[in-house]
N, C-alpha and C. Protein backbone atom coordinates (compact mmCIF):
# COMPACT_ATOMS: atom_id res chain seq x y z
N MET A 1 -18.64 -27.57 -6.18
CA MET A 1 -17.12 -27.73 -6.53
C MET A 1 -17.12 -29.27 -7.02
N THR A 2 -17.28 -29.56 -8.50
CA THR A 2 -17.01 -30.62 -9.44
C THR A 2 -16.12 -31.80 -8.80
N ARG A 3 -16.51 -33.13 -9.04
CA ARG A 3 -15.83 -34.07 -8.62
C ARG A 3 -14.38 -33.92 -9.73
N GLU A 4 -14.12 -33.05 -10.31
CA GLU A 4 -12.80 -33.00 -10.65
C GLU A 4 -11.90 -31.76 -9.95
N GLU A 5 -12.19 -31.71 -9.40
CA GLU A 5 -12.20 -29.93 -8.41
C GLU A 5 -11.81 -30.98 -7.25
N LEU A 6 -12.74 -31.64 -6.64
CA LEU A 6 -12.64 -32.23 -5.25
C LEU A 6 -11.24 -33.21 -5.59
N LEU A 7 -10.83 -33.81 -6.55
CA LEU A 7 -10.05 -34.81 -6.52
C LEU A 7 -8.46 -34.33 -6.65
N ASP A 8 -8.44 -33.12 -8.00
CA ASP A 8 -7.42 -32.01 -8.00
C ASP A 8 -7.30 -31.48 -6.15
N ASP A 9 -7.85 -31.37 -5.34
CA ASP A 9 -7.75 -30.68 -4.04
C ASP A 9 -7.17 -31.89 -3.50
N LEU A 10 -7.66 -33.30 -3.46
CA LEU A 10 -7.62 -34.07 -2.45
C LEU A 10 -6.18 -33.88 -3.22
N ALA A 11 -5.42 -34.17 -4.22
CA ALA A 11 -4.07 -34.85 -4.79
C ALA A 11 -3.09 -33.61 -4.46
N TYR A 12 -3.68 -32.56 -3.85
CA TYR A 12 -2.81 -31.39 -4.06
C TYR A 12 -2.05 -31.15 -2.66
N ALA A 13 -3.32 -31.58 -1.64
CA ALA A 13 -3.32 -31.41 -0.39
C ALA A 13 -2.10 -32.86 0.32
N ARG A 14 -2.42 -34.13 -0.83
CA ARG A 14 -1.59 -34.70 -0.41
C ARG A 14 -0.13 -34.60 -0.42
N THR A 15 -0.31 -34.37 -1.89
CA THR A 15 1.66 -33.57 -1.97
C THR A 15 1.75 -32.59 -1.22
N LEU A 16 1.65 -31.68 -0.89
CA LEU A 16 1.66 -30.90 0.63
C LEU A 16 2.08 -31.44 1.59
N ALA A 17 1.22 -32.62 2.05
CA ALA A 17 1.45 -33.55 3.27
C ALA A 17 2.49 -33.93 3.20
N GLU A 18 3.36 -34.86 1.75
CA GLU A 18 4.18 -35.45 1.53
C GLU A 18 5.54 -35.23 1.58
N GLU A 19 5.66 -33.40 1.85
CA GLU A 19 6.61 -32.59 1.50
C GLU A 19 6.89 -31.84 2.58
N GLY A 20 5.64 -32.11 3.62
CA GLY A 20 5.90 -31.49 5.19
C GLY A 20 5.13 -29.88 5.07
N ARG A 21 4.89 -29.63 3.87
CA ARG A 21 4.47 -27.83 3.62
C ARG A 21 3.10 -27.32 4.08
N HIS A 22 2.53 -26.66 4.77
CA HIS A 22 1.14 -25.59 4.72
C HIS A 22 1.11 -25.09 2.94
N ALA A 23 -1.00 -25.26 2.77
CA ALA A 23 -0.59 -24.97 1.79
C ALA A 23 -0.77 -23.09 1.03
N PRO A 24 -0.04 -22.48 -0.08
CA PRO A 24 0.55 -21.69 0.15
C PRO A 24 -0.58 -20.66 0.17
N LEU A 25 -1.03 -19.57 0.16
CA LEU A 25 -2.15 -18.10 0.31
C LEU A 25 -2.28 -18.45 -1.02
N LEU A 26 -3.42 -17.81 -1.45
CA LEU A 26 -3.27 -17.49 -2.86
C LEU A 26 -3.87 -15.73 -3.20
N GLY A 27 -3.57 -14.67 -2.32
CA GLY A 27 -3.82 -13.87 -2.26
C GLY A 27 -3.05 -12.93 -2.70
N GLY A 28 -1.97 -13.34 -2.93
CA GLY A 28 -0.52 -12.55 -3.35
C GLY A 28 -1.17 -11.80 -4.54
N SER A 29 -1.86 -12.12 -5.76
CA SER A 29 -2.27 -11.60 -6.94
C SER A 29 -3.00 -9.93 -6.40
N TYR A 30 -4.01 -10.02 -5.30
CA TYR A 30 -4.98 -9.51 -5.10
C TYR A 30 -4.68 -8.06 -3.93
N LEU A 31 -3.21 -8.44 -3.53
CA LEU A 31 -2.39 -7.75 -2.20
C LEU A 31 -1.33 -6.92 -3.70
N VAL A 32 -1.30 -7.20 -4.26
CA VAL A 32 -0.29 -6.69 -5.28
C VAL A 32 -0.94 -6.13 -6.52
N PHE A 33 -2.22 -6.10 -6.37
CA PHE A 33 -2.87 -5.22 -7.78
C PHE A 33 -3.72 -3.93 -6.59
N TRP A 34 -4.42 -4.38 -5.48
CA TRP A 34 -4.37 -2.88 -5.17
C TRP A 34 -3.31 -2.40 -4.04
N GLY A 35 -2.47 -3.19 -3.61
CA GLY A 35 -1.43 -2.10 -3.38
C GLY A 35 -0.63 -0.78 -4.54
N LEU A 36 -0.86 -1.64 -5.64
CA LEU A 36 -0.27 -0.59 -6.92
C LEU A 36 -1.42 -0.03 -7.13
N LEU A 37 -2.61 -0.17 -7.55
CA LEU A 37 -3.81 0.25 -7.83
C LEU A 37 -4.02 1.51 -6.66
N ASN A 38 -4.02 1.53 -5.31
CA ASN A 38 -3.88 2.39 -4.49
C ASN A 38 -2.54 3.37 -4.11
N ALA A 39 -1.89 3.32 -4.57
CA ALA A 39 -0.27 3.83 -4.75
C ALA A 39 -0.65 4.93 -5.61
N LEU A 40 -0.92 4.10 -7.00
CA LEU A 40 -0.71 5.57 -8.05
C LEU A 40 -2.20 6.39 -7.51
N ALA A 41 -3.75 5.89 -7.15
CA ALA A 41 -4.20 6.59 -6.74
C ALA A 41 -4.36 7.59 -5.57
N PHE A 42 -3.69 7.57 -4.75
CA PHE A 42 -3.05 8.11 -3.57
C PHE A 42 -2.23 9.44 -4.19
N SER A 43 -1.41 8.70 -4.79
CA SER A 43 -0.34 9.89 -5.18
C SER A 43 -0.69 11.16 -6.31
N ALA A 44 -1.69 9.91 -6.81
CA ALA A 44 -2.37 11.21 -8.08
C ALA A 44 -3.14 12.35 -7.20
N GLN A 45 -3.98 11.93 -6.59
CA GLN A 45 -4.63 12.54 -5.04
C GLN A 45 -3.72 13.70 -4.76
N TRP A 46 -2.85 13.51 -3.68
CA TRP A 46 -1.80 14.45 -3.34
C TRP A 46 -1.32 15.18 -4.60
N GLY A 47 -1.36 15.00 -6.19
CA GLY A 47 -0.74 16.05 -6.71
C GLY A 47 -1.72 16.56 -7.55
N VAL A 48 -2.88 16.80 -7.52
CA VAL A 48 -4.01 17.33 -7.65
C VAL A 48 -3.74 18.36 -6.55
N LEU A 49 -4.31 17.72 -5.27
CA LEU A 49 -4.23 19.02 -4.57
C LEU A 49 -2.78 19.57 -3.97
N GLU A 50 -1.79 19.11 -4.37
CA GLU A 50 -0.76 20.27 -4.37
C GLU A 50 -0.62 21.05 -5.35
N GLY A 51 -1.38 21.02 -6.34
CA GLY A 51 -1.07 21.81 -7.84
C GLY A 51 -0.13 21.38 -8.59
N PHE A 52 0.11 20.29 -8.45
CA PHE A 52 1.26 19.36 -9.47
C PHE A 52 0.30 19.33 -10.95
N LEU A 53 -1.17 18.57 -10.12
CA LEU A 53 -1.63 17.88 -11.71
C LEU A 53 -2.75 19.05 -12.01
N PRO A 54 -3.41 19.70 -13.22
CA PRO A 54 -4.71 20.10 -13.26
C PRO A 54 -6.35 19.76 -12.06
N ALA A 55 -6.67 20.67 -11.54
CA ALA A 55 -7.39 20.25 -10.57
C ALA A 55 -9.11 20.26 -11.74
N ALA A 56 -8.94 20.96 -12.86
CA ALA A 56 -9.63 21.46 -13.56
C ALA A 56 -11.14 21.63 -12.95
N GLY A 57 -11.13 22.83 -12.11
CA GLY A 57 -12.40 22.82 -11.23
C GLY A 57 -12.98 21.70 -10.77
N GLY A 58 -12.27 21.70 -9.85
CA GLY A 58 -12.53 19.66 -9.14
C GLY A 58 -12.96 18.30 -9.83
N ALA A 59 -13.04 18.93 -11.50
CA ALA A 59 -13.27 17.89 -12.06
C ALA A 59 -12.23 16.48 -12.12
N SER A 60 -11.01 16.85 -12.01
CA SER A 60 -10.14 15.94 -11.44
C SER A 60 -10.31 14.87 -10.82
N PHE A 61 -11.05 15.31 -8.98
CA PHE A 61 -11.44 14.26 -8.02
C PHE A 61 -12.29 13.18 -9.08
N ALA A 62 -12.64 13.61 -9.50
CA ALA A 62 -14.08 12.87 -10.22
C ALA A 62 -13.85 11.96 -10.99
N ILE A 63 -13.22 12.26 -11.79
CA ILE A 63 -11.96 11.65 -13.28
C ILE A 63 -11.90 10.34 -12.20
N LEU A 64 -10.40 10.85 -11.40
CA LEU A 64 -9.87 9.89 -11.01
C LEU A 64 -10.42 8.59 -10.27
N TRP A 65 -11.33 9.32 -9.42
CA TRP A 65 -11.64 7.95 -8.19
C TRP A 65 -12.99 7.28 -9.16
N LEU A 66 -13.91 7.95 -10.22
CA LEU A 66 -14.47 7.34 -11.13
C LEU A 66 -13.37 6.35 -11.69
N SER A 67 -12.28 6.76 -12.59
CA SER A 67 -11.66 5.63 -13.31
C SER A 67 -11.29 4.81 -11.80
N TYR A 68 -10.63 5.41 -11.31
CA TYR A 68 -10.09 4.09 -9.74
C TYR A 68 -10.98 2.92 -9.56
N GLY A 69 -13.04 3.53 -10.02
CA GLY A 69 -13.49 2.77 -9.64
C GLY A 69 -13.75 1.10 -10.34
N ALA A 70 -13.92 2.01 -11.75
CA ALA A 70 -13.35 1.33 -12.84
C ALA A 70 -12.69 0.07 -13.39
N LEU A 71 -11.29 0.40 -12.87
CA LEU A 71 -9.73 -0.36 -12.76
C LEU A 71 -10.14 -1.13 -12.00
N ALA A 72 -10.28 -0.96 -10.67
CA ALA A 72 -10.90 -1.91 -9.44
C ALA A 72 -12.28 -2.71 -10.02
N GLY A 73 -12.63 -2.70 -10.66
CA GLY A 73 -13.25 -3.41 -10.87
C GLY A 73 -13.05 -4.48 -12.70
N ILE A 74 -12.74 -4.09 -13.31
CA ILE A 74 -11.90 -4.38 -14.41
C ILE A 74 -11.18 -5.71 -13.72
N GLY A 75 -9.91 -5.12 -12.61
CA GLY A 75 -9.15 -6.14 -11.98
C GLY A 75 -9.55 -7.05 -11.48
N MET A 76 -10.60 -7.04 -10.64
CA MET A 76 -11.18 -8.03 -9.92
C MET A 76 -11.73 -8.90 -10.50
N PHE A 77 -12.34 -8.75 -11.67
CA PHE A 77 -12.60 -9.70 -12.62
C PHE A 77 -11.85 -10.64 -13.13
N PHE A 78 -10.45 -10.11 -13.26
CA PHE A 78 -9.65 -10.97 -14.07
C PHE A 78 -8.95 -11.47 -12.82
N LEU A 79 -8.30 -11.38 -11.42
CA LEU A 79 -8.46 -11.49 -10.80
C LEU A 79 -8.95 -13.04 -9.95
N ARG A 80 -10.23 -12.60 -10.10
CA ARG A 80 -11.34 -13.60 -9.65
C ARG A 80 -10.65 -14.91 -11.40
N MET A 81 -11.08 -15.09 -12.06
CA MET A 81 -10.53 -15.92 -12.93
C MET A 81 -9.33 -16.60 -12.87
N ARG A 82 -8.67 -15.42 -12.57
CA ARG A 82 -6.78 -16.31 -12.38
C ARG A 82 -6.97 -17.00 -11.61
N SER A 83 -7.27 -16.64 -9.92
CA SER A 83 -7.39 -17.83 -8.61
C SER A 83 -8.34 -18.85 -8.72
N ARG A 84 -9.19 -19.29 -10.20
CA ARG A 84 -9.98 -20.18 -10.10
C ARG A 84 -9.07 -21.34 -10.83
N THR A 85 -7.91 -21.31 -11.22
CA THR A 85 -7.54 -21.97 -11.97
C THR A 85 -6.28 -22.75 -10.95
N LYS A 86 -6.45 -22.50 -9.67
CA LYS A 86 -5.09 -22.61 -8.71
C LYS A 86 -5.48 -23.66 -8.14
N PRO A 87 -4.43 -24.62 -7.70
CA PRO A 87 -5.50 -25.93 -6.67
C PRO A 87 -4.94 -24.85 -5.36
N GLY A 88 -5.20 -25.40 -4.29
CA GLY A 88 -5.69 -25.34 -2.86
C GLY A 88 -6.45 -24.32 -2.86
N LEU A 89 -7.37 -24.67 -3.24
CA LEU A 89 -9.15 -23.84 -2.74
C LEU A 89 -9.72 -24.01 -1.66
N THR A 90 -9.77 -24.38 -0.86
CA THR A 90 -9.88 -25.42 -0.05
C THR A 90 -9.46 -25.49 1.27
N ALA A 91 -8.30 -25.06 1.15
CA ALA A 91 -7.49 -24.82 2.53
C ALA A 91 -8.00 -24.49 3.13
N ILE A 92 -8.01 -24.47 4.76
CA ILE A 92 -8.41 -23.74 5.97
C ILE A 92 -8.03 -22.49 5.94
N GLY A 93 -6.71 -22.51 5.60
CA GLY A 93 -5.87 -20.99 5.45
C GLY A 93 -6.18 -20.00 4.78
N VAL A 94 -6.65 -21.02 2.81
CA VAL A 94 -6.68 -19.78 1.66
C VAL A 94 -8.44 -19.66 1.98
N ARG A 95 -8.96 -20.43 2.89
CA ARG A 95 -10.78 -19.81 3.37
C ARG A 95 -10.50 -18.54 3.83
N ALA A 96 -10.06 -18.90 5.31
CA ALA A 96 -9.81 -18.25 5.98
C ALA A 96 -8.73 -16.40 5.26
N GLU A 97 -7.75 -16.67 4.56
CA GLU A 97 -7.50 -15.18 3.86
C GLU A 97 -9.02 -14.74 3.12
N ARG A 98 -9.37 -15.56 2.63
CA ARG A 98 -10.55 -14.88 1.37
C ARG A 98 -11.70 -14.64 2.68
N ALA A 99 -12.40 -15.18 3.56
CA ALA A 99 -12.70 -14.19 4.32
C ALA A 99 -12.61 -12.69 5.13
N LEU A 100 -11.47 -12.84 5.31
CA LEU A 100 -11.28 -12.19 6.16
C LEU A 100 -10.88 -10.83 5.50
N TRP A 101 -10.67 -11.10 3.96
CA TRP A 101 -10.13 -9.94 3.43
C TRP A 101 -11.83 -9.36 2.49
N VAL A 102 -12.48 -10.28 2.41
CA VAL A 102 -13.89 -9.79 2.08
C VAL A 102 -14.06 -9.32 2.58
N GLY A 103 -14.30 -9.43 4.40
CA GLY A 103 -15.09 -8.60 5.46
C GLY A 103 -14.49 -7.28 5.26
N ALA A 104 -13.21 -7.04 5.34
CA ALA A 104 -12.64 -6.25 5.78
C ALA A 104 -12.79 -5.58 4.08
N ALA A 105 -13.02 -5.48 3.21
CA ALA A 105 -12.78 -5.35 1.81
C ALA A 105 -14.53 -4.13 2.11
N THR A 106 -15.74 -5.12 2.52
CA THR A 106 -16.81 -4.54 2.89
C THR A 106 -16.87 -3.46 3.85
N ALA A 107 -16.05 -3.75 5.00
CA ALA A 107 -15.78 -2.50 5.80
C ALA A 107 -15.97 -1.31 5.30
N VAL A 108 -14.36 -1.65 4.41
CA VAL A 108 -13.69 -0.44 4.23
C VAL A 108 -14.65 0.32 3.57
N MET A 109 -15.53 -0.71 1.93
CA MET A 109 -17.12 0.10 1.38
C MET A 109 -17.82 0.89 2.66
N ALA A 110 -18.13 0.31 3.75
CA ALA A 110 -18.42 1.33 4.59
C ALA A 110 -18.22 2.58 5.34
N VAL A 111 -17.46 2.38 5.67
CA VAL A 111 -16.58 3.86 5.40
C VAL A 111 -16.45 4.52 4.45
N VAL A 112 -16.39 4.10 3.00
CA VAL A 112 -16.09 5.16 2.37
C VAL A 112 -17.47 5.77 1.43
N ILE A 113 -18.68 5.09 1.89
CA ILE A 113 -20.06 5.21 1.46
C ILE A 113 -20.29 6.43 2.53
N GLY A 114 -19.83 6.28 3.78
CA GLY A 114 -20.28 6.60 4.91
C GLY A 114 -19.52 8.62 4.50
N SER A 115 -18.22 8.11 4.96
CA SER A 115 -17.94 9.83 4.17
C SER A 115 -18.16 10.08 2.95
N ILE A 116 -18.37 9.55 2.41
CA ILE A 116 -18.97 10.38 0.88
C ILE A 116 -20.22 11.27 1.34
N LEU A 117 -20.70 10.49 1.91
CA LEU A 117 -22.52 10.81 1.97
C LEU A 117 -22.45 12.52 3.49
N ARG A 118 -21.59 12.18 4.07
CA ARG A 118 -21.55 12.92 5.16
C ARG A 118 -20.61 14.25 4.29
N MET A 119 -19.25 14.49 3.55
CA MET A 119 -19.23 14.63 2.46
C MET A 119 -20.09 15.65 2.03
N MET A 120 -21.11 15.43 1.19
CA MET A 120 -22.27 15.60 0.62
C MET A 120 -23.12 16.18 1.43
N ALA A 121 -23.41 16.03 2.73
CA ALA A 121 -24.72 16.64 3.09
C ALA A 121 -23.73 17.28 4.55
N THR A 122 -22.52 17.97 4.54
CA THR A 122 -22.21 19.24 5.36
C THR A 122 -21.26 20.06 4.13
N ALA A 123 -20.84 19.48 2.87
CA ALA A 123 -20.26 20.36 2.69
C ALA A 123 -18.18 20.76 2.39
N ASP A 124 -18.45 19.37 3.55
CA ASP A 124 -17.04 19.24 4.30
C ASP A 124 -16.19 18.72 3.12
N PRO A 125 -15.19 18.26 2.16
CA PRO A 125 -14.63 18.24 1.61
C PRO A 125 -13.26 17.45 2.08
N THR A 126 -13.18 17.99 3.49
CA THR A 126 -11.84 16.40 4.07
C THR A 126 -13.42 15.77 4.89
N ALA A 127 -14.00 15.39 4.76
CA ALA A 127 -14.26 14.52 5.51
C ALA A 127 -14.04 12.84 4.63
N VAL A 128 -13.82 12.68 3.65
CA VAL A 128 -13.52 11.77 2.78
C VAL A 128 -11.57 11.85 3.71
N ASN A 129 -11.51 11.95 3.93
CA ASN A 129 -9.54 11.60 4.94
C ASN A 129 -9.90 10.74 5.77
N ALA A 130 -11.13 10.62 6.52
CA ALA A 130 -10.97 9.95 7.27
C ALA A 130 -11.12 8.38 6.81
N ILE A 131 -10.90 8.12 5.72
CA ILE A 131 -11.61 6.73 4.99
C ILE A 131 -9.83 6.13 4.61
N LEU A 132 -8.55 6.54 4.48
CA LEU A 132 -6.99 6.61 4.46
C LEU A 132 -6.63 5.57 6.27
N GLY A 133 -6.92 6.17 7.05
CA GLY A 133 -6.71 5.72 8.62
C GLY A 133 -7.87 4.71 9.52
N ALA A 134 -9.02 4.15 7.96
CA ALA A 134 -9.76 3.25 8.72
C ALA A 134 -9.41 2.13 8.34
N ALA A 135 -9.42 2.43 6.33
CA ALA A 135 -8.62 1.02 5.70
C ALA A 135 -7.58 0.62 6.39
N PHE A 136 -6.40 1.58 6.89
CA PHE A 136 -5.22 0.38 6.97
C PHE A 136 -5.25 0.02 8.25
N ALA A 137 -5.74 0.86 9.15
CA ALA A 137 -6.65 -0.10 10.44
C ALA A 137 -6.59 -1.84 10.19
N LEU A 138 -8.26 -1.67 9.47
CA LEU A 138 -9.22 -2.72 8.58
C LEU A 138 -8.12 -3.72 7.58
N TYR A 139 -7.06 -3.26 6.86
CA TYR A 139 -5.90 -4.18 6.37
C TYR A 139 -5.11 -4.18 7.42
N GLY A 140 -4.51 -4.18 8.39
CA GLY A 140 -3.51 -4.83 9.03
C GLY A 140 -4.65 -5.75 10.29
N ALA A 141 -5.58 -5.68 10.46
CA ALA A 141 -7.12 -6.67 11.12
C ALA A 141 -6.51 -8.09 10.15
N ALA A 142 -6.78 -7.85 8.92
CA ALA A 142 -7.02 -9.28 7.67
C ALA A 142 -6.24 -9.83 7.62
N LEU A 143 -4.42 -9.02 8.01
CA LEU A 143 -3.11 -9.34 7.60
C LEU A 143 -2.46 -10.42 9.29
N PHE A 144 -3.60 -9.54 10.36
CA PHE A 144 -3.19 -10.43 11.47
C PHE A 144 -4.09 -11.77 11.34
N GLY A 145 -5.18 -11.81 11.03
CA GLY A 145 -6.11 -13.20 10.57
C GLY A 145 -5.10 -13.80 10.21
N THR A 146 -4.97 -13.95 8.62
CA THR A 146 -4.20 -14.64 7.86
C THR A 146 -3.31 -15.25 8.50
N ALA A 147 -2.26 -14.48 8.95
CA ALA A 147 -1.16 -15.16 9.35
C ALA A 147 -1.70 -15.82 10.65
N SER A 148 -2.96 -15.14 11.42
CA SER A 148 -3.08 -16.33 12.13
C SER A 148 -3.47 -17.98 12.09
N LEU A 149 -4.36 -17.34 10.66
CA LEU A 149 -4.76 -18.78 10.64
C LEU A 149 -4.55 -19.75 9.88
N SER A 150 -3.37 -19.10 9.20
CA SER A 150 -2.62 -19.95 7.67
C SER A 150 -1.00 -20.42 9.16
N GLU A 151 -1.25 -20.12 9.47
CA GLU A 151 0.43 -20.18 10.32
C GLU A 151 1.12 -19.52 9.44
N GLN A 152 1.13 -18.22 8.64
CA GLN A 152 2.35 -17.79 7.97
C GLN A 152 2.24 -16.35 8.85
N THR A 153 2.99 -16.86 10.15
CA THR A 153 3.53 -15.72 10.68
C THR A 153 4.12 -14.44 10.44
N TRP A 154 4.90 -14.86 9.22
CA TRP A 154 5.61 -13.62 8.91
C TRP A 154 4.89 -12.06 8.52
N LEU A 155 3.82 -13.07 8.33
CA LEU A 155 2.60 -11.32 8.05
C LEU A 155 2.48 -10.69 8.65
N ARG A 156 2.61 -10.79 10.92
CA ARG A 156 2.22 -10.56 11.60
C ARG A 156 3.19 -9.29 11.47
N ALA A 157 4.24 -9.05 10.84
CA ALA A 157 5.18 -8.06 10.39
C ALA A 157 3.88 -6.93 9.62
N PHE A 158 3.74 -6.83 8.70
CA PHE A 158 3.18 -6.20 7.86
C PHE A 158 1.37 -5.77 8.28
N GLY A 159 0.99 -7.07 9.67
CA GLY A 159 -0.29 -6.42 10.51
C GLY A 159 -0.31 -4.91 11.10
N TRP A 160 1.58 -5.35 11.56
CA TRP A 160 1.99 -4.05 12.78
C TRP A 160 1.83 -2.73 11.61
N LEU A 161 2.90 -2.93 10.35
CA LEU A 161 3.34 -1.80 9.69
C LEU A 161 1.97 -1.10 8.77
N SER A 162 0.54 -2.11 8.97
CA SER A 162 -0.07 -1.40 8.42
C SER A 162 -0.99 -0.73 9.55
N ILE A 163 -0.77 -0.90 10.20
CA ILE A 163 -1.37 -0.37 11.87
C ILE A 163 -1.21 0.74 11.87
N SER A 164 0.31 0.68 11.97
CA SER A 164 1.14 1.88 12.35
C SER A 164 0.53 3.02 11.41
N VAL A 165 0.94 3.12 9.91
CA VAL A 165 0.07 3.83 8.79
C VAL A 165 -1.20 4.07 9.03
N ALA A 166 -1.68 3.74 9.71
CA ALA A 166 -3.30 3.68 10.03
C ALA A 166 -3.16 4.90 11.66
N GLY A 167 -2.08 4.37 12.33
CA GLY A 167 -2.52 5.57 13.32
C GLY A 167 -1.62 7.07 12.84
N ALA A 168 -0.75 6.69 11.74
CA ALA A 168 0.18 8.04 11.42
C ALA A 168 -1.40 9.07 10.33
N LEU A 169 -1.90 7.93 9.88
CA LEU A 169 -3.87 8.39 8.87
C LEU A 169 -4.36 9.62 8.97
N CYS A 170 -4.95 8.91 10.49
CA CYS A 170 -5.52 9.30 11.78
C CYS A 170 -5.06 10.46 12.55
N PHE A 171 -3.99 10.78 12.28
CA PHE A 171 -3.24 11.93 13.57
C PHE A 171 -3.11 13.35 12.65
N PHE A 172 -2.93 12.41 11.45
CA PHE A 172 -2.47 13.68 9.98
C PHE A 172 -3.57 13.62 8.72
N ALA A 173 -4.77 13.30 9.52
CA ALA A 173 -5.33 13.27 8.60
C ALA A 173 -5.84 14.33 7.11
N ASN A 174 -5.85 15.17 7.72
CA ASN A 174 -6.37 16.56 6.32
C ASN A 174 -4.83 16.91 6.27
N MET A 175 -3.57 16.47 6.07
CA MET A 175 -2.43 16.75 6.04
C MET A 175 -2.72 16.58 4.11
N ASN A 176 -2.11 16.83 3.28
CA ASN A 176 -2.22 16.42 2.00
C ASN A 176 -1.16 15.85 1.74
N TRP A 177 0.16 15.81 2.71
CA TRP A 177 1.29 14.94 2.14
C TRP A 177 0.67 13.50 2.72
N ALA A 178 -0.27 13.25 3.64
CA ALA A 178 -1.37 11.97 4.00
C ALA A 178 -1.35 10.82 3.24
N TYR A 179 -1.49 11.74 1.98
CA TYR A 179 -1.84 10.71 1.00
C TYR A 179 -0.44 10.32 -0.02
N LEU A 180 0.64 10.73 0.38
CA LEU A 180 1.95 10.39 0.04
C LEU A 180 2.05 9.34 0.76
N VAL A 181 1.88 9.21 2.36
CA VAL A 181 2.23 8.43 3.86
C VAL A 181 1.15 7.14 3.13
N ALA A 182 0.07 7.26 1.88
CA ALA A 182 -0.69 6.21 2.03
C ALA A 182 0.02 5.29 0.79
N ALA A 183 0.50 6.50 0.17
CA ALA A 183 0.53 5.50 -0.81
C ALA A 183 2.17 4.61 -0.51
N ALA A 184 2.61 5.20 0.30
CA ALA A 184 3.42 4.09 0.36
C ALA A 184 3.40 3.22 1.11
N GLY A 185 2.70 3.38 1.91
CA GLY A 185 1.89 2.10 2.91
C GLY A 185 1.38 1.73 2.19
N SER A 186 0.37 1.44 0.73
CA SER A 186 0.18 0.46 -0.08
C SER A 186 1.36 -0.41 -0.16
N LEU A 187 2.25 -0.12 -1.01
CA LEU A 187 3.43 -0.77 -1.62
C LEU A 187 4.33 -1.52 -0.27
N LEU A 188 4.13 -0.95 0.94
CA LEU A 188 4.92 -1.66 1.73
C LEU A 188 3.79 -2.84 3.04
N ALA A 189 2.82 -2.42 2.68
CA ALA A 189 1.79 -2.91 3.75
C ALA A 189 1.07 -3.98 2.62
N LEU A 190 1.34 -3.96 1.31
CA LEU A 190 -0.19 -4.82 0.41
C LEU A 190 0.73 -4.98 -0.73
N ALA A 191 1.47 -4.42 -1.32
CA ALA A 191 1.85 -4.99 -2.62
C ALA A 191 2.95 -6.23 -1.88
N TRP A 192 3.55 -5.08 -1.11
CA TRP A 192 5.72 -6.04 -0.68
C TRP A 192 4.67 -7.73 -0.35
N PRO A 193 4.12 -7.62 0.50
CA PRO A 193 3.15 -9.11 1.07
C PRO A 193 3.08 -9.88 -0.02
N GLY A 194 2.10 -9.55 -0.98
CA GLY A 194 1.24 -9.82 -2.12
C GLY A 194 2.96 -10.19 -3.03
N LEU A 195 3.77 -9.08 -3.72
CA LEU A 195 4.75 -10.54 -4.20
C LEU A 195 5.49 -11.51 -3.26
N ILE A 196 5.50 -11.15 -2.22
CA ILE A 196 6.23 -12.25 -1.49
C ILE A 196 5.37 -13.79 -1.26
N LEU A 197 4.02 -13.39 -1.44
CA LEU A 197 3.28 -14.79 -1.63
C LEU A 197 2.72 -14.99 -3.46
N LEU A 198 3.01 -14.48 -4.54
CA LEU A 198 3.24 -14.57 -5.54
C LEU A 198 4.28 -15.39 -5.63
N LYS A 199 4.92 -15.54 -5.31
CA LYS A 199 5.93 -16.35 -5.77
C LYS A 199 5.98 -17.69 -4.74
N ARG A 200 5.26 -17.53 -3.75
CA ARG A 200 4.64 -19.39 -3.65
C ARG A 200 3.92 -19.54 -3.78
N GLU A 201 2.91 -18.96 -4.41
CA GLU A 201 1.93 -19.69 -5.31
C GLU A 201 1.77 -20.57 -6.02
N PRO A 202 0.98 -21.38 -5.77
CA PRO A 202 1.29 -22.85 -6.67
C PRO A 202 0.59 -22.82 -7.90
N SER A 203 1.66 -22.72 -8.89
CA SER A 203 0.86 -23.33 -10.37
C SER A 203 0.50 -24.33 -10.82
N ALA A 204 0.26 -25.61 -10.27
CA ALA A 204 -0.32 -26.53 -10.28
C ALA A 204 0.16 -27.45 -9.59
N ILE A 205 -0.88 -28.78 -10.03
CA ILE A 205 -0.21 -29.84 -8.99
C ILE A 205 1.25 -30.39 -9.22
N VAL A 206 2.06 -31.06 -8.53
CA VAL A 206 2.89 -31.52 -8.91
C VAL A 206 2.99 -33.11 -7.73
């Protein structure tokens, strides 16, 4: 951290203290991005499974998820660039939020890799369906942790919502329409709280 960044954060912390406020969280843009991207991908997956979109002999699934990965990489690059301009990066709530979501994302990636390897080894196309329930359970854990450590207790409602979606997706894992549940869950448990956080984000030190 440079001297200028440290001074900016100190000035920001002083402003918050004078106003009696907690430092706003900075993960709103990430939640909105992933909520929308997941919703689109899950809806497209359902569309291919149900025949509303061409399967192209299975090539559509590869195109869909390769495109998902490319968009995810591009989106994360710009989101990181954006977050660097925000004050309050060293606030405890913001640091906890970042650590919890990095941990959740790493765990989700482990589930994704394991499920794909199992699908390839056993020729079981339903193996990847296990990803959905695990992912939403981890989202819920990250939301609960962020709510507690940042004292943004309203996030717990979205944590419970994500956990509920996880349970439903585990129970109905191999149903095609479970992808629609996952799409709706992405909008409600990720994009919705993300929009709320975005509205509360600081744009500059005042």
